[in-house]
């Protein structure tokens, strides 16, 4: 099991994203009247960032960790590359956090020029997704 220690960071990041997303959800509920009074695009961005963080941060990170843990048990083969899993993790977690912070900063400050940051960070987050997908496929098809 000691060779699976790299998976712990997926669960740790997942729990941190869950905490932040749940905290934001609680604030949204507490200040529901103020939230619904905001202009549509600001309201939608705040709610969208909450959903984004919970689905891509909390749920996806937990599922990635679980897949990396379970795949060798199911296939009887090791993960294709732990190094690739680590690189994919860092791409995913850093750019997921940056997408969230950029989106929330845009919503709370009205600085819509930060949309450029979202335009840049989102594909970089996607690199983390594609690294994960490639590593899983290579793990399954490895002889």
C-alpha atoms as a PDB file:
ATOM      1  CA  UNK A   1       0.000   0.000   0.000  1.00  0.00           C
ATOM      2  CA  UNK A   2       2.911   2.404   0.535  1.00  0.00           C
ATOM      3  CA  UNK A   3       3.225   2.840  -3.252  1.00  0.00           C
ATOM      4  CA  UNK A   4      -0.301   4.325  -3.248  1.00  0.00           C
ATOM      5  CA  UNK A   5       0.601   7.247  -0.986  1.00  0.00           C
ATOM      6  CA  UNK A   6       0.521   9.616  -3.982  1.00  0.00           C
ATOM      7  CA  UNK A   7      -3.267   9.199  -3.997  1.00  0.00           C
ATOM      8  CA  UNK A   8      -3.696  10.890  -0.601  1.00  0.00           C
ATOM      9  CA  UNK A   9      -3.178  14.337  -2.127  1.00  0.00           C
ATOM     10  CA  UNK A  10      -6.198  13.783  -4.411  1.00  0.00           C
ATOM     11  CA  UNK A  11      -8.364  13.189  -1.344  1.00  0.00           C
ATOM     12  CA  UNK A  12      -6.833  16.088   0.581  1.00  0.00           C
ATOM     13  CA  UNK A  13      -7.457  18.508  -2.298  1.00  0.00           C
ATOM     14  CA  UNK A  14     -10.977  17.132  -2.638  1.00  0.00           C
ATOM     15  CA  UNK A  15     -11.727  17.804   1.027  1.00  0.00           C
ATOM     16  CA  UNK A  16     -10.311  21.347   0.799  1.00  0.00           C
ATOM     17  CA  UNK A  17     -12.426  22.096  -2.278  1.00  0.00           C
ATOM     18  CA  UNK A  18     -15.449  20.596  -0.475  1.00  0.00           C
ATOM     19  CA  UNK A  19     -14.856  22.843   2.535  1.00  0.00           C
ATOM     20  CA  UNK A  20     -14.575  26.008   0.415  1.00  0.00           C
ATOM     21  CA  UNK A  21     -17.545  25.051  -1.779  1.00  0.00           C
ATOM     22  CA  UNK A  22     -19.711  24.196   1.227  1.00  0.00           C
ATOM     23  CA  UNK A  23     -18.705  27.417   2.982  1.00  0.00           C
ATOM     24  CA  UNK A  24     -19.670  29.415  -0.107  1.00  0.00           C
ATOM     25  CA  UNK A  25     -22.940  27.485  -0.368  1.00  0.00           C
ATOM     26  CA  UNK A  26     -23.738  28.344   3.246  1.00  0.00           C
ATOM     27  CA  UNK A  27     -22.985  32.019   2.613  1.00  0.00           C
ATOM     28  CA  UNK A  28     -25.170  31.974  -0.485  1.00  0.00           C
ATOM     29  CA  UNK A  29     -28.041  30.570   1.560  1.00  0.00           C
ATOM     30  CA  UNK A  30     -27.444  33.018   4.410  1.00  0.00           C
ATOM     31  CA  UNK A  31     -27.416  35.977   2.027  1.00  0.00           C
ATOM     32  CA  UNK A  32     -29.956  34.620  -0.458  1.00  0.00           C
ATOM     33  CA  UNK A  33     -31.920  37.848  -0.643  1.00  0.00           C
ATOM     34  CA  UNK A  34     -28.813  39.886  -1.442  1.00  0.00           C
ATOM     35  CA  UNK A  35     -27.583  37.260  -3.913  1.00  0.00           C
ATOM     36  CA  UNK A  36     -30.827  37.212  -5.883  1.00  0.00           C
ATOM     37  CA  UNK A  37     -30.847  41.037  -5.977  1.00  0.00           C
ATOM     38  CA  UNK A  38     -27.511  41.094  -7.838  1.00  0.00           C
ATOM     39  CA  UNK A  39     -27.456  41.645 -11.607  1.00  0.00           C
ATOM     40  CA  UNK A  40     -28.043  38.420 -13.512  1.00  0.00           C
ATOM     41  CA  UNK A  41     -24.505  37.936 -14.819  1.00  0.00           C
ATOM     42  CA  UNK A  42     -22.972  38.496 -11.355  1.00  0.00           C
ATOM     43  CA  UNK A  43     -25.486  36.173  -9.677  1.00  0.00           C
ATOM     44  CA  UNK A  44     -24.914  33.514 -12.325  1.00  0.00           C
ATOM     45  CA  UNK A  45     -21.123  33.776 -12.025  1.00  0.00           C
ATOM     46  CA  UNK A  46     -21.196  33.405  -8.231  1.00  0.00           C
ATOM     47  CA  UNK A  47     -23.532  30.413  -8.376  1.00  0.00           C
ATOM     48  CA  UNK A  48     -21.587  28.950 -11.316  1.00  0.00           C
ATOM     49  CA  UNK A  49     -18.292  29.169  -9.456  1.00  0.00           C
ATOM     50  CA  UNK A  50     -19.896  27.401  -6.466  1.00  0.00           C
ATOM     51  CA  UNK A  51     -21.104  24.574  -8.691  1.00  0.00           C
ATOM     52  CA  UNK A  52     -17.775  24.476 -10.553  1.00  0.00           C
ATOM     53  CA  UNK A  53     -15.779  24.159  -7.349  1.00  0.00           C
ATOM     54  CA  UNK A  54     -17.990  21.436  -5.913  1.00  0.00           C
ATOM     55  CA  UNK A  55     -18.179  19.338  -9.081  1.00  0.00           C
ATOM     56  CA  UNK A  56     -14.706  19.811 -10.524  1.00  0.00           C
ATOM     57  CA  UNK A  57     -12.943  20.368  -7.220  1.00  0.00           C
ATOM     58  CA  UNK A  58     -14.577  18.142  -4.673  1.00  0.00           C
ATOM     59  CA  UNK A  59     -16.261  15.382  -6.690  1.00  0.00           C
ATOM     60  CA  UNK A  60     -13.802  15.027  -9.577  1.00  0.00           C
ATOM     61  CA  UNK A  61     -10.711  15.066  -7.357  1.00  0.00           C
ATOM     62  CA  UNK A  62     -12.231  12.383  -5.117  1.00  0.00           C
ATOM     63  CA  UNK A  63     -13.158  10.276  -8.142  1.00  0.00           C
ATOM     64  CA  UNK A  64      -9.680  10.609  -9.646  1.00  0.00           C
ATOM     65  CA  UNK A  65      -8.126   9.419  -6.399  1.00  0.00           C
ATOM     66  CA  UNK A  66     -10.592   6.546  -6.179  1.00  0.00           C
ATOM     67  CA  UNK A  67      -9.969   5.500  -9.782  1.00  0.00           C
ATOM     68  CA  UNK A  68      -6.194   5.587  -9.263  1.00  0.00           C
ATOM     69  CA  UNK A  69      -6.675   3.450  -6.141  1.00  0.00           C
ATOM     70  CA  UNK A  70      -9.161   0.972  -7.619  1.00  0.00           C
ATOM     71  CA  UNK A  71      -7.817   0.562 -11.154  1.00  0.00           C
ATOM     72  CA  UNK A  72      -4.861  -1.673 -10.226  1.00  0.00           C
ATOM     73  CA  UNK A  73      -7.200  -3.863  -8.151  1.00  0.00           C
ATOM     74  CA  UNK A  74      -9.665  -4.199 -11.023  1.00  0.00           C
ATOM     75  CA  UNK A  75      -7.157  -4.719 -13.839  1.00  0.00           C
ATOM     76  CA  UNK A  76      -4.395  -6.478 -11.917  1.00  0.00           C
ATOM     77  CA  UNK A  77      -1.930  -4.031 -13.502  1.00  0.00           C
ATOM     78  CA  UNK A  78      -0.171  -1.031 -11.966  1.00  0.00           C
ATOM     79  CA  UNK A  79      -0.980   2.535 -12.914  1.00  0.00           C
ATOM     80  CA  UNK A  80       0.857   3.367 -16.131  1.00  0.00           C
ATOM     81  CA  UNK A  81       2.711   6.298 -14.588  1.00  0.00           C
ATOM     82  CA  UNK A  82       2.652   7.645 -11.040  1.00  0.00           C
ATOM     83  CA  UNK A  83       4.741  10.567 -12.300  1.00  0.00           C
ATOM     84  CA  UNK A  84       2.029  11.348 -14.874  1.00  0.00           C
ATOM     85  CA  UNK A  85      -0.605  11.112 -12.117  1.00  0.00           C
ATOM     86  CA  UNK A  86       1.366  13.625 -10.053  1.00  0.00           C
ATOM     87  CA  UNK A  87       1.842  16.039 -12.967  1.00  0.00           C
ATOM     88  CA  UNK A  88      -1.854  15.778 -13.843  1.00  0.00           C
ATOM     89  CA  UNK A  89      -2.796  16.392 -10.217  1.00  0.00           C
ATOM     90  CA  UNK A  90      -0.800  19.616 -10.039  1.00  0.00           C
ATOM     91  CA  UNK A  91      -2.162  20.907 -13.350  1.00  0.00           C
ATOM     92  CA  UNK A  92      -5.685  20.118 -12.223  1.00  0.00           C
ATOM     93  CA  UNK A  93      -5.554  21.412  -8.660  1.00  0.00           C
ATOM     94  CA  UNK A  94      -3.651  24.633  -9.406  1.00  0.00           C
ATOM     95  CA  UNK A  95      -5.775  25.651 -12.359  1.00  0.00           C
ATOM     96  CA  UNK A  96      -9.047  24.587 -10.706  1.00  0.00           C
ATOM     97  CA  UNK A  97      -8.173  26.930  -7.837  1.00  0.00           C
ATOM     98  CA  UNK A  98      -7.163  29.720 -10.235  1.00  0.00           C
ATOM     99  CA  UNK A  99     -10.376  29.374 -12.264  1.00  0.00           C
ATOM    100  CA  UNK A 100     -12.409  29.618  -9.053  1.00  0.00           C
ATOM    101  CA  UNK A 101     -10.475  32.588  -7.655  1.00  0.00           C
ATOM    102  CA  UNK A 102     -10.606  34.415 -11.005  1.00  0.00           C
ATOM    103  CA  UNK A 103     -14.335  33.830 -11.408  1.00  0.00           C
ATOM    104  CA  UNK A 104     -15.162  34.882  -7.863  1.00  0.00           C
ATOM    105  CA  UNK A 105     -12.910  37.942  -8.110  1.00  0.00           C
ATOM    106  CA  UNK A 106     -14.663  38.895 -11.344  1.00  0.00           C
ATOM    107  CA  UNK A 107     -18.055  38.515  -9.707  1.00  0.00           C
ATOM    108  CA  UNK A 108     -17.214  40.353  -6.495  1.00  0.00           C
ATOM    109  CA  UNK A 109     -15.186  43.226  -7.974  1.00  0.00           C
ATOM    110  CA  UNK A 110     -16.848  43.658 -11.342  1.00  0.00           C
ATOM    111  CA  UNK A 111     -13.462  43.532 -13.085  1.00  0.00           C
ATOM    112  CA  UNK A 112     -14.665  41.694 -16.167  1.00  0.00           C
ATOM    113  CA  UNK A 113     -11.185  41.817 -17.731  1.00  0.00           C
ATOM    114  CA  UNK A 114     -10.459  38.814 -15.517  1.00  0.00           C
ATOM    115  CA  UNK A 115     -12.431  36.844 -18.078  1.00  0.00           C
ATOM    116  CA  UNK A 116      -9.114  36.633 -19.911  1.00  0.00           C
ATOM    117  CA  UNK A 117      -7.699  34.739 -16.917  1.00  0.00           C
ATOM    118  CA  UNK A 118     -10.589  32.265 -17.160  1.00  0.00           C
ATOM    119  CA  UNK A 119      -9.918  31.960 -20.872  1.00  0.00           C
ATOM    120  CA  UNK A 120      -6.292  31.026 -20.115  1.00  0.00           C
ATOM    121  CA  UNK A 121      -6.734  28.937 -16.951  1.00  0.00           C
ATOM    122  CA  UNK A 122      -9.595  26.744 -18.173  1.00  0.00           C
ATOM    123  CA  UNK A 123      -7.620  25.004 -20.969  1.00  0.00           C
ATOM    124  CA  UNK A 124      -4.709  24.539 -18.562  1.00  0.00           C
ATOM    125  CA  UNK A 125      -7.139  22.838 -16.159  1.00  0.00           C
ATOM    126  CA  UNK A 126      -8.140  20.725 -19.153  1.00  0.00           C
ATOM    127  CA  UNK A 127      -4.545  19.532 -19.507  1.00  0.00           C
ATOM    128  CA  UNK A 128      -4.868  17.984 -16.045  1.00  0.00           C
ATOM    129  CA  UNK A 129      -8.068  16.253 -17.176  1.00  0.00           C
ATOM    130  CA  UNK A 130      -6.443  14.894 -20.334  1.00  0.00           C
ATOM    131  CA  UNK A 131      -3.383  13.668 -18.427  1.00  0.00           C
ATOM    132  CA  UNK A 132      -5.699  11.753 -16.089  1.00  0.00           C
ATOM    133  CA  UNK A 133      -7.668  10.268 -19.009  1.00  0.00           C
ATOM    134  CA  UNK A 134      -4.481   9.291 -20.859  1.00  0.00           C
ATOM    135  CA  UNK A 135      -2.989   7.698 -17.743  1.00  0.00           C
ATOM    136  CA  UNK A 136      -6.141   5.640 -17.139  1.00  0.00           C
ATOM    137  CA  UNK A 137      -6.348   4.490 -20.761  1.00  0.00           C
ATOM    138  CA  UNK A 138      -2.642   3.651 -20.851  1.00  0.00           C
ATOM    139  CA  UNK A 139      -3.006   1.758 -17.548  1.00  0.00           C
ATOM    140  CA  UNK A 140      -5.859  -0.340 -18.917  1.00  0.00           C
ATOM    141  CA  UNK A 141      -4.276  -1.061 -22.300  1.00  0.00           C
ATOM    142  CA  UNK A 142      -0.745  -1.680 -20.981  1.00  0.00           C
ATOM    143  CA  UNK A 143       0.407  -5.238 -21.642  1.00  0.00           C
END
